[in-house]
Amino acid sequence: MKNIKGVQIAKAVAAGSANAALPEAAAAAMAGISTFVDDIMTAAWGIAAAVTLGFVGIKLFKKGANKAS
C-alpha cells in the first residue's frame, strides 16, 4: 500500500513539473505586475511612516498639553 501511494505521488509531481513552463507573454505580465506591486509597496512605506509619526506626535503633544494645564 505504501509503495502505491509513493508511486502516485511521484507521478503527480512529475505531471506538475511537466506543465510548469509559462508562455513568454504570461511571464512578462507577471513580471510587470511584480514591478507594479513593488512600486506600490515602496510608496506605501513612506506614507505609513509619515502617518505613524503624525499619530505619535499628536499623542505626545496632547500628553504635554495635559501636563501643562
N, C-alpha and C. Protein backbone atom coordinates (compact mmCIF):
# COMPACT_ATOMS: atom_id res chain seq x y z
N MET A 1 0.83 -1.19 0.00
CA MET A 1 0.00 0.00 0.00
C MET A 1 0.87 1.25 0.00
N LYS A 2 1.93 1.27 0.78
CA LYS A 2 2.81 2.44 0.84
C LYS A 2 3.50 2.68 -0.50
N ASN A 3 3.88 1.60 -1.18
CA ASN A 3 4.56 1.75 -2.47
C ASN A 3 3.63 2.36 -3.51
N ILE A 4 2.36 1.99 -3.47
CA ILE A 4 1.41 2.52 -4.44
C ILE A 4 1.22 4.02 -4.22
N LYS A 5 1.11 4.45 -2.97
CA LYS A 5 0.96 5.88 -2.68
C LYS A 5 2.20 6.65 -3.11
N GLY A 6 3.38 6.07 -2.87
CA GLY A 6 4.62 6.72 -3.28
C GLY A 6 4.70 6.89 -4.77
N VAL A 7 4.26 5.88 -5.52
CA VAL A 7 4.27 5.95 -6.98
C VAL A 7 3.28 7.01 -7.46
N GLN A 8 2.10 7.07 -6.83
CA GLN A 8 1.10 8.06 -7.21
C GLN A 8 1.60 9.47 -6.94
N ILE A 9 2.27 9.66 -5.83
CA ILE A 9 2.83 10.99 -5.51
C ILE A 9 3.91 11.35 -6.50
N ALA A 10 4.76 10.40 -6.86
CA ALA A 10 5.82 10.66 -7.83
C ALA A 10 5.23 11.03 -9.19
N LYS A 11 4.16 10.35 -9.59
CA LYS A 11 3.51 10.67 -10.87
C LYS A 11 2.90 12.07 -10.83
N ALA A 12 2.30 12.43 -9.71
CA ALA A 12 1.68 13.75 -9.59
C ALA A 12 2.75 14.85 -9.67
N VAL A 13 3.87 14.62 -9.02
CA VAL A 13 4.95 15.61 -9.04
C VAL A 13 5.52 15.73 -10.45
N ALA A 14 5.70 14.63 -11.13
CA ALA A 14 6.23 14.66 -12.49
C ALA A 14 5.26 15.35 -13.44
N ALA A 15 3.97 15.11 -13.28
CA ALA A 15 2.98 15.75 -14.15
C ALA A 15 2.92 17.25 -13.88
N GLY A 16 3.06 17.64 -12.63
CA GLY A 16 3.03 19.06 -12.29
C GLY A 16 4.24 19.80 -12.82
N SER A 17 5.39 19.18 -12.77
CA SER A 17 6.60 19.86 -13.25
C SER A 17 6.66 19.89 -14.78
N ALA A 18 5.95 18.99 -15.44
CA ALA A 18 5.95 18.99 -16.90
C ALA A 18 5.19 20.20 -17.44
N ASN A 19 4.22 20.69 -16.69
CA ASN A 19 3.41 21.82 -17.14
C ASN A 19 3.84 23.13 -16.45
N ALA A 20 5.00 23.16 -15.86
CA ALA A 20 5.42 24.31 -15.07
C ALA A 20 5.88 25.50 -15.92
N ALA A 21 6.23 25.26 -17.18
CA ALA A 21 6.74 26.35 -18.02
C ALA A 21 5.60 27.27 -18.43
N LEU A 22 5.78 28.58 -18.25
CA LEU A 22 4.78 29.57 -18.64
C LEU A 22 5.10 30.12 -20.02
N PRO A 23 4.07 30.50 -20.76
CA PRO A 23 4.33 31.19 -22.03
C PRO A 23 5.06 32.51 -21.76
N GLU A 24 5.78 32.98 -22.73
CA GLU A 24 6.57 34.20 -22.57
C GLU A 24 5.71 35.41 -22.24
N ALA A 25 4.53 35.50 -22.83
CA ALA A 25 3.63 36.63 -22.56
C ALA A 25 3.15 36.60 -21.11
N ALA A 26 2.86 35.41 -20.60
CA ALA A 26 2.40 35.30 -19.22
C ALA A 26 3.53 35.66 -18.26
N ALA A 27 4.74 35.23 -18.56
CA ALA A 27 5.89 35.56 -17.72
C ALA A 27 6.14 37.07 -17.71
N ALA A 28 5.99 37.70 -18.88
CA ALA A 28 6.18 39.15 -18.96
C ALA A 28 5.09 39.89 -18.18
N ALA A 29 3.87 39.39 -18.24
CA ALA A 29 2.77 40.00 -17.49
C ALA A 29 3.01 39.88 -15.99
N MET A 30 3.46 38.72 -15.55
CA MET A 30 3.73 38.52 -14.13
C MET A 30 4.88 39.42 -13.67
N ALA A 31 5.88 39.60 -14.51
CA ALA A 31 6.99 40.49 -14.17
C ALA A 31 6.50 41.93 -14.06
N GLY A 32 5.61 42.34 -14.96
CA GLY A 32 5.05 43.69 -14.90
C GLY A 32 4.23 43.91 -13.65
N ILE A 33 3.42 42.92 -13.28
CA ILE A 33 2.63 43.02 -12.05
C ILE A 33 3.54 43.08 -10.84
N SER A 34 4.58 42.28 -10.84
CA SER A 34 5.52 42.27 -9.72
C SER A 34 6.19 43.63 -9.56
N THR A 35 6.58 44.23 -10.66
CA THR A 35 7.20 45.56 -10.62
C THR A 35 6.20 46.60 -10.09
N PHE A 36 4.95 46.51 -10.54
CA PHE A 36 3.91 47.44 -10.10
C PHE A 36 3.68 47.31 -8.59
N VAL A 37 3.60 46.09 -8.11
CA VAL A 37 3.38 45.86 -6.68
C VAL A 37 4.57 46.37 -5.86
N ASP A 38 5.77 46.16 -6.36
CA ASP A 38 6.96 46.67 -5.67
C ASP A 38 6.93 48.19 -5.57
N ASP A 39 6.51 48.86 -6.65
CA ASP A 39 6.41 50.32 -6.64
C ASP A 39 5.36 50.80 -5.64
N ILE A 40 4.23 50.12 -5.60
CA ILE A 40 3.16 50.49 -4.66
C ILE A 40 3.64 50.29 -3.21
N MET A 41 4.31 49.18 -2.95
CA MET A 41 4.80 48.91 -1.59
C MET A 41 5.85 49.93 -1.17
N THR A 42 6.69 50.34 -2.09
CA THR A 42 7.70 51.35 -1.79
C THR A 42 7.02 52.67 -1.40
N ALA A 43 6.00 53.05 -2.14
CA ALA A 43 5.27 54.28 -1.83
C ALA A 43 4.51 54.15 -0.51
N ALA A 44 3.95 52.99 -0.25
CA ALA A 44 3.15 52.78 0.96
C ALA A 44 4.01 52.89 2.22
N TRP A 45 5.25 52.44 2.16
CA TRP A 45 6.12 52.53 3.34
C TRP A 45 6.34 53.98 3.73
N GLY A 46 6.53 54.84 2.77
CA GLY A 46 6.72 56.27 3.06
C GLY A 46 5.48 56.89 3.67
N ILE A 47 4.33 56.55 3.14
CA ILE A 47 3.06 57.07 3.67
C ILE A 47 2.81 56.53 5.06
N ALA A 48 3.03 55.23 5.26
CA ALA A 48 2.79 54.62 6.57
C ALA A 48 3.71 55.22 7.63
N ALA A 49 4.95 55.49 7.28
CA ALA A 49 5.88 56.09 8.24
C ALA A 49 5.43 57.50 8.62
N ALA A 50 4.98 58.28 7.64
CA ALA A 50 4.53 59.64 7.92
C ALA A 50 3.28 59.65 8.80
N VAL A 51 2.34 58.76 8.51
CA VAL A 51 1.11 58.69 9.31
C VAL A 51 1.42 58.25 10.74
N THR A 52 2.29 57.26 10.88
CA THR A 52 2.65 56.78 12.22
C THR A 52 3.34 57.88 13.01
N LEU A 53 4.28 58.56 12.40
CA LEU A 53 4.96 59.66 13.10
C LEU A 53 3.99 60.78 13.45
N GLY A 54 3.01 61.03 12.59
CA GLY A 54 1.99 62.04 12.88
C GLY A 54 1.17 61.67 14.10
N PHE A 55 0.73 60.41 14.17
CA PHE A 55 -0.06 59.98 15.32
C PHE A 55 0.75 60.02 16.61
N VAL A 56 2.00 59.61 16.55
CA VAL A 56 2.86 59.67 17.74
C VAL A 56 3.07 61.12 18.16
N GLY A 57 3.30 62.00 17.20
CA GLY A 57 3.49 63.41 17.51
C GLY A 57 2.26 64.03 18.15
N ILE A 58 1.08 63.70 17.63
CA ILE A 58 -0.16 64.23 18.21
C ILE A 58 -0.34 63.73 19.63
N LYS A 59 -0.06 62.44 19.86
CA LYS A 59 -0.22 61.88 21.19
C LYS A 59 0.75 62.55 22.18
N LEU A 60 2.00 62.75 21.76
CA LEU A 60 2.96 63.41 22.64
C LEU A 60 2.56 64.86 22.91
N PHE A 61 2.03 65.55 21.90
CA PHE A 61 1.59 66.92 22.09
C PHE A 61 0.43 66.98 23.08
N LYS A 62 -0.53 66.06 22.95
CA LYS A 62 -1.65 66.03 23.89
C LYS A 62 -1.17 65.74 25.31
N LYS A 63 -0.21 64.83 25.43
CA LYS A 63 0.31 64.48 26.74
C LYS A 63 0.99 65.70 27.37
N GLY A 64 1.79 66.42 26.61
CA GLY A 64 2.45 67.62 27.10
C GLY A 64 1.47 68.73 27.44
N ALA A 65 0.42 68.88 26.62
CA ALA A 65 -0.57 69.91 26.87
C ALA A 65 -1.37 69.61 28.13
N ASN A 66 -1.65 68.34 28.37
CA ASN A 66 -2.40 67.98 29.59
C ASN A 66 -1.56 68.19 30.85
N LYS A 67 -0.25 67.96 30.76
CA LYS A 67 0.62 68.16 31.92
C LYS A 67 0.78 69.65 32.22
N ALA A 68 0.75 70.47 31.19
CA ALA A 68 0.96 71.91 31.36
C ALA A 68 -0.26 72.58 31.99
N SER A 69 -1.42 72.00 31.85
CA SER A 69 -2.62 72.66 32.37
C SER A 69 -3.05 72.17 33.71
